[in-house]
Amino acid sequence: MAKIGIFFGTDTGNTRRIAKDISTALGADAAKPVNVRNASVSDLQAYDVLILGTPTYGEGLLPGLSTGNATESWEEFLPKLIGQDFSGKKVAIYGLGNQKSYPNEFIDAAFYLYQAFKECGATMIGDWSVEGYNFKASKSVIDGRFVGLALDQENQKDLTPERLATWLKNLATSME
């Protein structure tokens, strides 16, 4: 199986916990999860497959200093990707959001990761059904599907283990 790197951005820890769950599920095939604030572009380029996680802050924002994070996150990292080549890399995204409090921006931040890595030539994998969610709008919905796994730890936490297991099972064939 391919070398899998798991990178996440978070200030509160929910996205990190999901990264750890992914790492545990994938076992020896995946590296230990790394907070993107501690990573360089070359760290990400060292892997054949990337699993990237982000929460959506407020009204559709990436985590970062402007959203009140104590440290840098995706907001500061994504500009470093400009001009980088991720051709031949496969990228899967998971996003956290709150569909009740922010129904018009549900997991919007996942779209920004999707867009940045796609523009760098990565092959995007791991889209996810919109069924079972109650939101009004999301930038992360393309062709009727989320660009990656959508998780709502505030309102549907009980569904996370099953959704995560199903998503990882679906990813397995795409990662080969």
Protein backbone atom coordinates (compact mmCIF):
# COMPACT_ATOMS: atom_id res chain seq x y z
CA MET A 1 0.00 0.00 0.00
CA ALA A 2 1.04 3.60 -0.55
CA LYS A 3 2.71 5.73 2.06
CA ILE A 4 -0.02 7.75 3.75
CA GLY A 5 0.53 11.07 5.48
CA ILE A 6 -2.13 12.55 7.74
CA PHE A 7 -2.09 16.30 8.30
CA PHE A 8 -4.66 18.42 10.09
CA GLY A 9 -5.29 21.95 11.23
CA THR A 10 -6.97 22.59 14.56
CA ASP A 11 -6.92 24.73 17.65
CA THR A 12 -9.53 22.91 19.75
CA GLY A 13 -8.59 19.28 19.11
CA ASN A 14 -11.64 17.76 17.38
CA THR A 15 -9.89 17.54 14.02
CA ARG A 16 -6.79 16.09 15.70
CA ARG A 17 -8.90 13.38 17.37
CA ILE A 18 -10.31 12.36 14.00
CA ALA A 19 -6.76 12.29 12.56
CA LYS A 20 -5.71 9.95 15.36
CA ASP A 21 -8.75 7.73 14.71
CA ILE A 22 -7.78 7.57 11.02
CA SER A 23 -4.19 6.72 11.92
CA THR A 24 -5.33 3.96 14.27
CA ALA A 25 -7.67 2.51 11.63
CA LEU A 26 -4.96 2.52 8.95
CA GLY A 27 -2.28 1.12 11.26
CA ALA A 28 1.24 0.72 9.89
CA ASP A 29 0.21 2.03 6.46
CA ALA A 30 -0.08 5.58 7.82
CA ALA A 31 2.39 7.92 9.45
CA LYS A 32 1.64 9.56 12.78
CA PRO A 33 -0.73 12.54 12.28
CA VAL A 34 0.93 15.96 12.14
CA ASN A 35 -0.56 19.38 12.82
CA VAL A 36 0.00 21.43 9.68
CA ARG A 37 1.50 24.23 11.79
CA ASN A 38 4.46 21.88 12.32
CA ALA A 39 4.77 20.84 8.65
CA SER A 40 6.46 22.09 5.51
CA VAL A 41 5.35 21.61 1.92
CA SER A 42 8.16 19.07 1.46
CA ASP A 43 6.80 17.11 4.45
CA LEU A 44 3.52 16.67 2.58
CA GLN A 45 5.26 15.91 -0.73
CA ALA A 46 7.07 12.99 0.91
CA TYR A 47 3.86 10.91 0.80
CA ASP A 48 2.03 9.20 -2.06
CA VAL A 49 -1.33 9.69 -0.36
CA LEU A 50 -2.40 12.55 1.89
CA ILE A 51 -5.38 12.63 4.22
CA LEU A 52 -6.02 16.23 5.23
CA GLY A 53 -8.40 17.47 7.89
CA THR A 54 -9.81 20.86 8.71
CA PRO A 55 -12.58 22.35 10.79
CA THR A 56 -14.64 25.22 9.41
CA TYR A 57 -14.54 28.28 11.64
CA GLY A 58 -17.47 30.65 11.91
CA GLU A 59 -18.99 31.57 8.60
CA GLY A 60 -16.94 29.31 6.32
CA LEU A 61 -13.37 30.14 7.32
CA LEU A 62 -10.18 28.10 7.44
CA PRO A 63 -8.54 27.85 10.86
CA GLY A 64 -5.73 30.35 11.31
CA LEU A 65 -4.54 33.40 13.15
CA SER A 66 -7.32 35.63 11.76
CA THR A 67 -9.95 33.31 13.25
CA GLY A 68 -8.45 33.57 16.71
CA ASN A 69 -6.28 30.46 16.68
CA ALA A 70 -3.35 30.62 19.07
CA THR A 71 -1.03 29.31 16.34
CA GLU A 72 -0.83 29.22 12.56
CA SER A 73 -2.89 26.66 10.66
CA TRP A 74 -4.27 26.04 7.16
CA GLU A 75 -4.89 29.74 6.58
CA GLU A 76 -1.14 30.37 6.73
CA PHE A 77 -0.10 27.07 5.11
CA LEU A 78 -2.15 27.12 1.88
CA PRO A 79 -0.34 30.14 0.35
CA LYS A 80 2.89 28.11 0.56
CA LEU A 81 1.40 25.71 -2.00
CA ILE A 82 1.36 28.28 -4.81
CA GLY A 83 3.56 26.97 -7.60
CA GLN A 84 4.13 23.58 -5.94
CA ASP A 85 3.66 20.31 -7.84
CA PHE A 86 1.58 17.55 -6.30
CA SER A 87 1.13 15.60 -9.55
CA GLY A 88 1.05 11.88 -8.85
CA LYS A 89 -0.17 12.45 -5.29
CA LYS A 90 -3.61 11.40 -4.10
CA VAL A 91 -5.37 13.66 -1.63
CA ALA A 92 -8.43 12.90 0.51
CA ILE A 93 -10.04 15.51 2.75
CA TYR A 94 -12.22 15.37 5.82
CA GLY A 95 -13.94 18.45 7.14
CA LEU A 96 -15.65 19.29 10.39
CA GLY A 97 -18.52 21.72 10.66
CA ASN A 98 -21.76 22.52 12.42
CA GLN A 99 -24.76 22.15 10.14
CA LYS A 100 -27.23 23.66 12.63
CA SER A 101 -25.30 26.78 13.66
CA TYR A 102 -23.77 27.36 10.21
CA PRO A 103 -26.15 25.78 7.68
CA ASN A 104 -25.02 28.12 4.89
CA GLU A 105 -21.30 27.36 5.27
CA PHE A 106 -21.27 23.71 6.31
CA ILE A 107 -17.68 22.41 6.02
CA ASP A 108 -16.74 25.21 3.60
CA ALA A 109 -13.10 25.06 4.73
CA ALA A 110 -12.74 21.60 3.18
CA PHE A 111 -13.34 23.21 -0.22
CA TYR A 112 -10.33 25.50 0.22
CA LEU A 113 -8.07 22.49 0.81
CA TYR A 114 -9.63 20.70 -2.15
CA GLN A 115 -9.15 23.69 -4.42
CA ALA A 116 -5.53 24.34 -3.37
CA PHE A 117 -4.34 20.77 -3.82
CA LYS A 118 -6.27 20.25 -7.05
CA GLU A 119 -4.63 23.40 -8.46
CA CYS A 120 -1.26 21.84 -7.55
CA GLY A 121 -2.04 18.80 -9.70
CA ALA A 122 -3.10 16.32 -7.01
CA THR A 123 -5.64 13.63 -7.77
CA MET A 124 -8.54 14.24 -5.41
CA ILE A 125 -10.15 11.15 -3.89
CA GLY A 126 -12.69 10.44 -1.15
CA ASP A 127 -15.79 12.40 -2.10
CA TRP A 128 -18.81 11.77 0.12
CA SER A 129 -22.59 11.69 -0.16
CA VAL A 130 -24.66 14.66 1.07
CA GLU A 131 -27.38 12.29 2.30
CA GLY A 132 -28.00 12.28 6.05
CA TYR A 133 -27.09 15.94 6.58
CA ASN A 134 -29.37 18.96 7.07
CA PHE A 135 -27.68 22.11 5.75
CA LYS A 136 -28.60 24.82 3.25
CA ALA A 137 -25.34 25.44 1.40
CA SER A 138 -21.71 24.35 1.25
CA LYS A 139 -18.86 25.34 -1.02
CA SER A 140 -17.64 21.78 -0.44
CA VAL A 141 -20.44 20.28 -2.52
CA ILE A 142 -19.39 19.68 -6.12
CA ASP A 143 -21.57 17.73 -8.52
CA GLY A 144 -23.95 16.87 -5.67
CA ARG A 145 -21.30 15.36 -3.37
CA PHE A 146 -19.00 16.67 -0.66
CA VAL A 147 -15.36 16.96 -1.74
CA GLY A 148 -14.48 14.77 1.25
CA LEU A 149 -15.88 13.26 4.41
CA ALA A 150 -18.21 15.66 6.23
CA LEU A 151 -18.38 15.35 10.01
CA ASP A 152 -20.51 17.28 12.49
CA GLN A 153 -19.13 16.57 15.96
CA GLU A 154 -21.66 18.94 17.56
CA ASN A 155 -24.89 17.49 16.17
CA GLN A 156 -24.10 14.04 14.73
CA LYS A 157 -21.13 12.81 16.75
CA ASP A 158 -22.77 9.40 17.14
CA LEU A 159 -22.60 8.93 13.34
CA THR A 160 -18.87 9.70 13.10
CA PRO A 161 -17.46 6.19 13.77
CA GLU A 162 -19.61 4.56 11.08
CA ARG A 163 -19.07 7.38 8.58
CA LEU A 164 -15.33 7.29 9.16
CA ALA A 165 -15.12 3.50 8.79
CA THR A 166 -17.16 3.57 5.57
CA TRP A 167 -15.09 6.45 4.14
CA LEU A 168 -11.80 4.71 4.92
CA LYS A 169 -13.08 1.48 3.37
CA ASN A 170 -14.05 3.39 0.23
CA LEU A 171 -10.66 5.15 0.18
CA ALA A 172 -8.75 1.87 0.32
CA THR A 173 -9.26 1.08 -3.36
CA SER A 174 -8.47 4.67 -4.41
CA MET A 175 -5.22 4.68 -2.43
CA GLU A 176 -3.72 1.69 -4.22
